[in-house]
Structures are given as C-alpha cells and as structure tokens.
C-alpha cells in the first residue's frame, strides 16, 4: 500500500484594507450620514409639530369648557373694573388651568379673578408646563424678558378675549363671534429664538406681548438681533407677532377648536404695524382671522 502525498500549498497571509480602500469606506459612510441627518431632522420636526398641535387641541378644549362652565371665554388678562390693573395681572394661562387638569397648581396660585391683585414671581409661577411649550423651542424654562415668569409659546387673540382697547374687561362667548368661530383665531404661536416668546401665568408689566399676539405685516417676522436681549423690545413692534420654529408657518387654534397650520405666505396687510390694536381693517386674510366681527370672508384652503 502506498499513500499519495500532495504538495502542501503555502498559506497566504490575510490582506488588510489599503489606505485608499479605507478612505473610500469612510467617504461612503460620511455621505450616508449626510443623507440620513436631514431625514432624521424632518422626522423630529414632524413629531414636534404634531405635539404642538396636540397642545393647541388641549387648550382649545379648555377654552370651550371655560365658555360652557363660566359663560364666556377666559380673559386674556384679568383686570379690575377701572381697567388696566393690576399689572402684573393674572392671564388666560392661569385662568384655564383647572380645565387642563392642573387643579393642584391652580389652587396653589389662588388667583384673584376680580383683578384686585396679580401674581408675583415665585416657585409656582415659574413652573414649566409642557402644555404651554412648543417642543421645537428649547428655550429656558423662565422668560427673563418678562420679569422671569414661566415661559410659554402660546399667545391669545386679544380682540376676542379682551381686555378691550381701554384695557377694560370684554368677555365674549364663542357663540357670539359673528364672523363664525371657524373663521376666527383664538390662540397662536410665538417662539423665543426669532423673537421674545411669552409667559403663561401673567400679563407682564413690561408689555402685553407677554400674553397676546397681533397680526401686523404677517407671521414669522423676526425681531432684529434675535436671539433677543433683555435690553431691547424693538423690531417694528414685531415682538407682538405670531412666530414659530416650524418650517414654513405657525400653528393656530381657531374658535371652533380646530387647529390649522398657516403658511408664512398668508395674505397680510404689509402697511400694518404689529402695535395696532385693534388691528387695521381691510380685506386681508390674516387680519380677517383676527377680527371676530368684520364681516369679511375667510378662505384658508
């Protein structure tokens, strides 16, 4: 017997990546990450916008429950019979807390709804309330521009909830919005990056922009020099405008409880100053949405 011995083949050493191959792989990974990041950001913003929309829906339910329980919409700013006081004064953000399942906080605040006294800056008036915060805005929990009260991203249409031009209470029922509740803004957004944001507990003594929004020349008009500094409140009075960090527009709560995303391109009076109150009359879509009784037709489609 004999055995067949085949010659052994020499073992080849394992070949590693060459420098060129390694650089190509790194370049491909970088390209893929570059393509992925915008998609991730879009998904995150879509989720933020959805959460913001849900905040508006909850606020809308609170407004309607207040309307049904008390007999009118919550006041933008709680004033006394003489009007214009107190300042700081309690605002709508405090008034609707019981209708947002925030009964315990409301009891701690114990607001004077007759306008005899207003809030102070304390542990309760600086609390972060997620329902008053747009998740796209990662600003501080307190708003140093408005005396240090808790920050909010939502402001009311004062032409509906008051007080009026003389700073006197002007209670209104949803049923009495003659232009129709589906054609009238109740609440809109304001961010704290392009402009000054807002606060939830109070009407700050600094400016009514702390609780209300006005149409002016349109939405998403930034205050020059933003992010803003506590020493300036200029910018064509754009501090009173509606703004957001969503792409292309802002969320708004209408009187019927629906939430609409309004594009930056909405028709607005380009000669208007944000400080005008009531807003100038004229057949402009944004101004029409602010006025509760101008009789003009509104088309948001």
Protein backbone atom coordinates (compact mmCIF):
# COMPACT_ATOMS: atom_id res chain seq x y z
CA UNK A 1 0.00 0.00 0.00
CA UNK A 2 1.08 3.43 -0.59
CA UNK A 3 -0.31 6.88 0.13
CA UNK A 4 -0.46 9.79 -2.14
CA UNK A 5 1.20 12.88 -0.74
CA UNK A 6 0.10 16.09 -2.39
CA UNK A 7 2.36 19.04 -2.06
CA UNK A 8 1.20 21.49 0.58
CA UNK A 9 0.16 24.85 -0.75
CA UNK A 10 1.72 27.73 1.08
CA UNK A 11 -0.70 29.65 3.29
CA UNK A 12 -1.37 33.14 2.07
CA UNK A 13 -1.34 35.95 4.61
CA UNK A 14 -4.61 37.86 5.09
CA UNK A 15 -4.68 41.09 3.17
CA UNK A 16 -5.97 44.19 5.09
CA UNK A 17 -7.57 47.32 3.76
CA UNK A 18 -5.36 49.58 1.80
CA UNK A 19 -5.37 53.25 2.73
CA UNK A 20 -7.32 54.10 -0.42
CA UNK A 21 -9.99 51.49 0.36
CA UNK A 22 -10.28 52.78 3.93
CA UNK A 23 -10.72 56.35 2.72
CA UNK A 24 -13.39 55.26 0.24
CA UNK A 25 -15.33 53.46 3.01
CA UNK A 26 -15.09 56.50 5.27
CA UNK A 27 -16.29 58.74 2.44
CA UNK A 28 -19.27 56.45 1.75
CA UNK A 29 -20.22 56.42 5.44
CA UNK A 30 -19.97 60.22 5.59
CA UNK A 31 -22.24 60.55 2.55
CA UNK A 32 -24.79 58.18 4.07
CA UNK A 33 -24.77 60.11 7.35
CA UNK A 34 -25.15 63.34 5.42
CA UNK A 35 -28.18 61.93 3.66
CA UNK A 36 -29.64 60.49 6.87
CA UNK A 37 -29.38 63.56 9.12
CA UNK A 38 -31.88 65.74 7.19
CA UNK A 39 -34.33 62.84 7.20
CA UNK A 40 -33.92 62.41 10.97
CA UNK A 41 -34.38 66.16 11.47
CA UNK A 42 -37.54 66.14 9.35
CA UNK A 43 -38.95 63.25 11.37
CA UNK A 44 -38.12 65.00 14.63
CA UNK A 45 -39.71 68.26 13.47
CA UNK A 46 -42.81 66.41 12.26
CA UNK A 47 -43.12 64.85 15.72
CA UNK A 48 -42.61 68.26 17.39
CA UNK A 49 -45.23 69.87 15.19
CA UNK A 50 -47.68 67.08 16.00
CA UNK A 51 -47.07 67.54 19.75
CA UNK A 52 -47.52 71.30 19.36
CA UNK A 53 -50.80 70.66 17.53
CA UNK A 54 -51.94 68.45 20.40
CA UNK A 55 -51.10 71.25 22.87
CA UNK A 56 -53.37 73.55 20.89
CA UNK A 57 -56.17 70.99 20.91
CA UNK A 58 -55.98 70.70 24.70
CA UNK A 59 -56.00 74.49 25.03
CA UNK A 60 -58.99 74.59 22.70
CA UNK A 61 -60.88 72.11 24.86
CA UNK A 62 -60.04 74.19 27.92
CA UNK A 63 -61.35 77.36 26.27
CA UNK A 64 -64.60 75.64 25.29
CA UNK A 65 -65.04 74.10 28.75
CA UNK A 66 -64.49 77.52 30.34
CA UNK A 67 -67.00 79.01 27.91
CA UNK A 68 -69.58 76.36 28.83
CA UNK A 69 -68.91 76.48 32.58
CA UNK A 70 -68.43 80.19 33.22
CA UNK A 71 -70.48 81.57 30.34
CA UNK A 72 -67.71 83.20 28.34
CA UNK A 73 -64.18 82.66 27.05
CA UNK A 74 -61.31 83.19 29.52
CA UNK A 75 -59.98 86.76 29.66
CA UNK A 76 -56.60 87.41 28.10
CA UNK A 77 -55.68 89.49 31.14
CA UNK A 78 -57.69 89.76 34.37
CA UNK A 79 -58.31 93.46 35.04
CA UNK A 80 -60.35 95.29 37.67
CA UNK A 81 -63.42 97.40 36.95
CA UNK A 82 -61.32 100.53 36.42
CA UNK A 83 -59.31 98.72 33.73
CA UNK A 84 -55.58 98.40 33.11
CA UNK A 85 -54.75 96.97 36.53
CA UNK A 86 -53.28 95.06 38.16
CA UNK A 87 -50.04 94.89 36.24
CA UNK A 88 -48.60 92.29 36.50
CA UNK A 89 -52.00 90.66 36.34
CA UNK A 90 -53.22 87.09 36.01
CA UNK A 91 -53.55 85.94 32.40
CA UNK A 92 -55.57 83.36 30.47
CA UNK A 93 -52.82 80.77 31.00
CA UNK A 94 -53.63 80.74 34.71
CA UNK A 95 -57.40 81.03 34.30
CA UNK A 96 -57.77 77.82 32.26
CA UNK A 97 -55.52 75.64 34.43
CA UNK A 98 -58.47 73.79 36.05
CA UNK A 99 -59.60 72.80 32.54
CA UNK A 100 -56.12 71.44 31.72
CA UNK A 101 -56.05 69.02 34.65
CA UNK A 102 -53.84 71.44 36.60
CA UNK A 103 -56.21 71.89 39.55
CA UNK A 104 -53.50 71.50 42.18
CA UNK A 105 -51.35 74.23 40.65
CA UNK A 106 -54.39 76.48 40.29
CA UNK A 107 -55.16 76.09 44.00
CA UNK A 108 -51.55 76.91 44.89
CA UNK A 109 -51.67 80.05 42.75
CA UNK A 110 -55.08 81.05 44.14
CA UNK A 111 -55.56 83.79 41.53
CA UNK A 112 -57.75 86.81 42.22
CA UNK A 113 -60.13 86.74 39.24
CA UNK A 114 -61.66 90.07 40.26
CA UNK A 115 -58.48 91.91 39.39
CA UNK A 116 -57.72 93.02 42.91
CA UNK A 117 -54.20 91.63 42.87
CA UNK A 118 -51.80 89.96 40.47
CA UNK A 119 -49.10 87.30 40.61
CA UNK A 120 -45.57 87.52 41.89
CA UNK A 121 -42.55 85.64 40.59
CA UNK A 122 -42.23 82.58 42.80
CA UNK A 123 -41.80 78.82 42.64
CA UNK A 124 -45.36 78.32 41.40
CA UNK A 125 -45.35 80.98 38.68
CA UNK A 126 -42.07 79.73 37.21
CA UNK A 127 -43.11 76.08 36.82
CA UNK A 128 -42.57 74.53 33.40
CA UNK A 129 -45.92 73.44 31.93
CA UNK A 130 -45.31 71.23 28.87
CA UNK A 131 -48.77 72.01 27.50
CA UNK A 132 -47.74 75.65 27.09
CA UNK A 133 -44.46 74.85 25.37
CA UNK A 134 -43.82 74.07 21.72
CA UNK A 135 -41.28 71.20 21.68
CA UNK A 136 -39.48 72.80 18.72
CA UNK A 137 -38.47 75.66 21.04
CA UNK A 138 -35.81 74.60 23.53
CA UNK A 139 -35.55 77.95 25.30
CA UNK A 140 -35.19 78.46 29.04
CA UNK A 141 -37.96 77.45 31.44
CA UNK A 142 -38.39 81.06 32.57
CA UNK A 143 -38.63 84.14 30.38
CA UNK A 144 -36.17 86.72 31.66
CA UNK A 145 -37.56 89.27 29.20
CA UNK A 146 -40.89 89.25 31.00
CA UNK A 147 -39.85 89.55 34.65
CA UNK A 148 -38.85 85.89 35.00
CA UNK A 149 -42.25 84.18 34.89
CA UNK A 150 -42.62 80.68 33.41
CA UNK A 151 -42.15 80.68 29.65
CA UNK A 152 -44.90 79.93 27.15
CA UNK A 153 -45.03 79.69 23.35
CA UNK A 154 -48.73 80.46 23.00
CA UNK A 155 -50.47 83.85 22.85
CA UNK A 156 -54.17 84.78 22.57
CA UNK A 157 -56.12 86.94 20.16
CA UNK A 158 -57.00 89.84 22.43
CA UNK A 159 -59.67 91.11 20.03
CA UNK A 160 -61.72 88.06 21.05
CA UNK A 161 -60.90 87.54 24.73
CA UNK A 162 -60.04 91.09 25.83
CA UNK A 163 -59.35 93.33 27.54
CA UNK A 164 -60.51 95.98 25.06
CA UNK A 165 -58.64 98.99 23.70
CA UNK A 166 -59.26 100.80 27.01
CA UNK A 167 -57.88 97.85 28.98
CA UNK A 168 -61.32 97.03 30.37
CA UNK A 169 -62.74 93.53 30.56
CA UNK A 170 -64.54 92.47 27.38
CA UNK A 171 -65.92 88.96 27.97
CA UNK A 172 -67.13 87.17 24.84
CA UNK A 173 -68.93 83.90 24.26
CA UNK A 174 -67.86 81.63 21.42
CA UNK A 175 -71.46 81.70 20.23
CA UNK A 176 -71.25 85.50 19.84
CA UNK A 177 -68.34 85.51 17.38
CA UNK A 178 -70.35 86.90 14.49
CA UNK A 179 -67.79 86.04 11.80
CA UNK A 180 -68.01 82.42 12.88
CA UNK A 181 -65.80 80.53 15.29
CA UNK A 182 -64.17 78.58 12.43
CA UNK A 183 -63.05 81.89 10.87
CA UNK A 184 -61.51 83.45 13.97
CA UNK A 185 -58.19 82.87 15.72
CA UNK A 186 -58.17 82.23 19.46
CA UNK A 187 -54.53 81.31 20.09
CA UNK A 188 -51.33 81.37 18.04
CA UNK A 189 -47.62 80.64 18.45
CA UNK A 190 -44.60 82.74 19.33
CA UNK A 191 -41.10 81.32 19.66
CA UNK A 192 -38.23 82.55 21.85
CA UNK A 193 -35.49 82.36 19.20
CA UNK A 194 -36.61 84.72 16.44
CA UNK A 195 -38.46 86.87 18.97
CA UNK A 196 -39.44 87.03 22.67
CA UNK A 197 -41.85 84.17 23.31
CA UNK A 198 -44.43 84.69 26.06
CA UNK A 199 -45.27 83.70 29.64
CA UNK A 200 -48.17 81.61 30.93
CA UNK A 201 -49.08 82.97 34.40
CA UNK A 202 -49.34 86.69 33.81
CA UNK A 203 -49.56 89.85 31.81
CA UNK A 204 -46.07 91.19 32.46
CA UNK A 205 -45.68 94.88 33.32
CA UNK A 206 -43.12 95.06 30.52
CA UNK A 207 -45.52 94.57 27.60
CA UNK A 208 -48.83 92.95 26.67
CA UNK A 209 -46.84 90.82 24.22
CA UNK A 210 -46.31 88.59 27.25
CA UNK A 211 -49.81 87.14 26.75
CA UNK A 212 -51.24 88.30 23.38
CA UNK A 213 -50.43 88.19 19.67
CA UNK A 214 -51.27 90.60 16.83
CA UNK A 215 -51.16 90.18 13.04
CA UNK A 216 -49.06 93.13 11.82
CA UNK A 217 -47.39 92.55 8.45
CA UNK A 218 -47.61 88.76 8.68
CA UNK A 219 -46.33 85.76 10.59
CA UNK A 220 -42.78 84.63 11.33
CA UNK A 221 -41.32 88.13 11.22
CA UNK A 222 -38.19 88.01 13.36
CA UNK A 223 -37.14 90.75 15.75
CA UNK A 224 -33.78 92.15 14.52
CA UNK A 225 -30.87 90.92 16.59
CA UNK A 226 -32.58 87.72 17.68
CA UNK A 227 -32.00 85.83 19.86
CA UNK A 228 -33.19 88.88 21.76
CA UNK A 229 -31.56 90.56 24.70
CA UNK A 230 -33.48 91.81 27.75
CA UNK A 231 -32.46 95.38 26.94
CA UNK A 232 -34.40 95.75 23.68
CA UNK A 233 -38.01 95.25 22.64
CA UNK A 234 -37.91 96.84 19.18
CA UNK A 235 -38.23 95.38 15.72
CA UNK A 236 -41.22 97.29 14.29
CA UNK A 237 -43.17 96.04 17.32
CA UNK A 238 -42.77 92.52 15.88
CA UNK A 239 -42.46 91.28 19.47
CA UNK A 240 -46.27 91.18 19.31
CA UNK A 241 -46.36 88.97 16.22
CA UNK A 242 -47.00 85.28 15.69
CA UNK A 243 -43.90 83.17 15.02
CA UNK A 244 -42.77 79.57 15.32
CA UNK A 245 -39.78 77.32 14.74
CA UNK A 246 -41.80 75.02 12.49
CA UNK A 247 -40.83 75.03 8.84
CA UNK A 248 -42.91 77.38 6.73
CA UNK A 249 -45.58 78.61 9.12
CA UNK A 250 -47.30 78.58 12.52
CA UNK A 251 -49.99 76.61 14.29
CA UNK A 252 -53.19 78.43 15.21
CA UNK A 253 -56.21 77.45 17.30
CA UNK A 254 -59.49 78.63 15.81
CA UNK A 255 -62.65 79.36 17.74
CA UNK A 256 -64.31 76.08 16.78
CA UNK A 257 -61.49 74.15 18.45
CA UNK A 258 -59.75 73.16 15.21
CA UNK A 259 -56.02 73.63 14.75
CA UNK A 260 -54.69 74.95 11.46
CA UNK A 261 -51.13 75.26 10.20
CA UNK A 262 -50.96 78.65 8.49
CA UNK A 263 -48.21 79.27 5.94
CA UNK A 264 -45.87 82.25 6.00
CA UNK A 265 -47.32 83.28 2.66
CA UNK A 266 -50.73 84.12 4.15
CA UNK A 267 -52.17 87.37 2.82
CA UNK A 268 -51.49 90.17 5.32
CA UNK A 269 -51.55 93.97 5.36
CA UNK A 270 -47.97 94.97 4.50
CA UNK A 271 -48.53 98.52 5.74
CA UNK A 272 -49.64 97.39 9.21
CA UNK A 273 -47.72 97.86 12.44
CA UNK A 274 -47.88 95.00 14.92
CA UNK A 275 -48.67 97.50 17.67
CA UNK A 276 -52.03 98.46 16.13
CA UNK A 277 -54.94 97.44 18.36
CA UNK A 278 -57.47 96.65 17.17
CA UNK A 279 -55.66 95.60 14.01
CA UNK A 280 -56.23 97.74 10.93
CA UNK A 281 -59.32 96.92 8.92
CA UNK A 282 -59.06 95.82 5.32
CA UNK A 283 -59.71 92.66 3.38
CA UNK A 284 -56.52 90.76 4.26
CA UNK A 285 -56.76 87.12 5.31
CA UNK A 286 -54.63 87.35 8.46
CA UNK A 287 -56.38 90.48 9.70
CA UNK A 288 -59.76 88.92 8.88
CA UNK A 289 -58.86 85.92 11.06
CA UNK A 290 -58.07 88.26 13.95
CA UNK A 291 -61.22 90.38 13.74
CA UNK A 292 -64.21 88.50 15.20
CA UNK A 293 -66.82 90.74 13.56
CA UNK A 294 -65.52 92.40 10.38
CA UNK A 295 -67.90 90.53 8.09
CA UNK A 296 -65.19 89.60 5.59
CA UNK A 297 -64.97 86.15 4.04
CA UNK A 298 -62.01 83.98 5.05
CA UNK A 299 -60.52 81.20 2.96
CA UNK A 300 -57.70 79.18 4.48
CA UNK A 301 -57.77 76.39 1.86
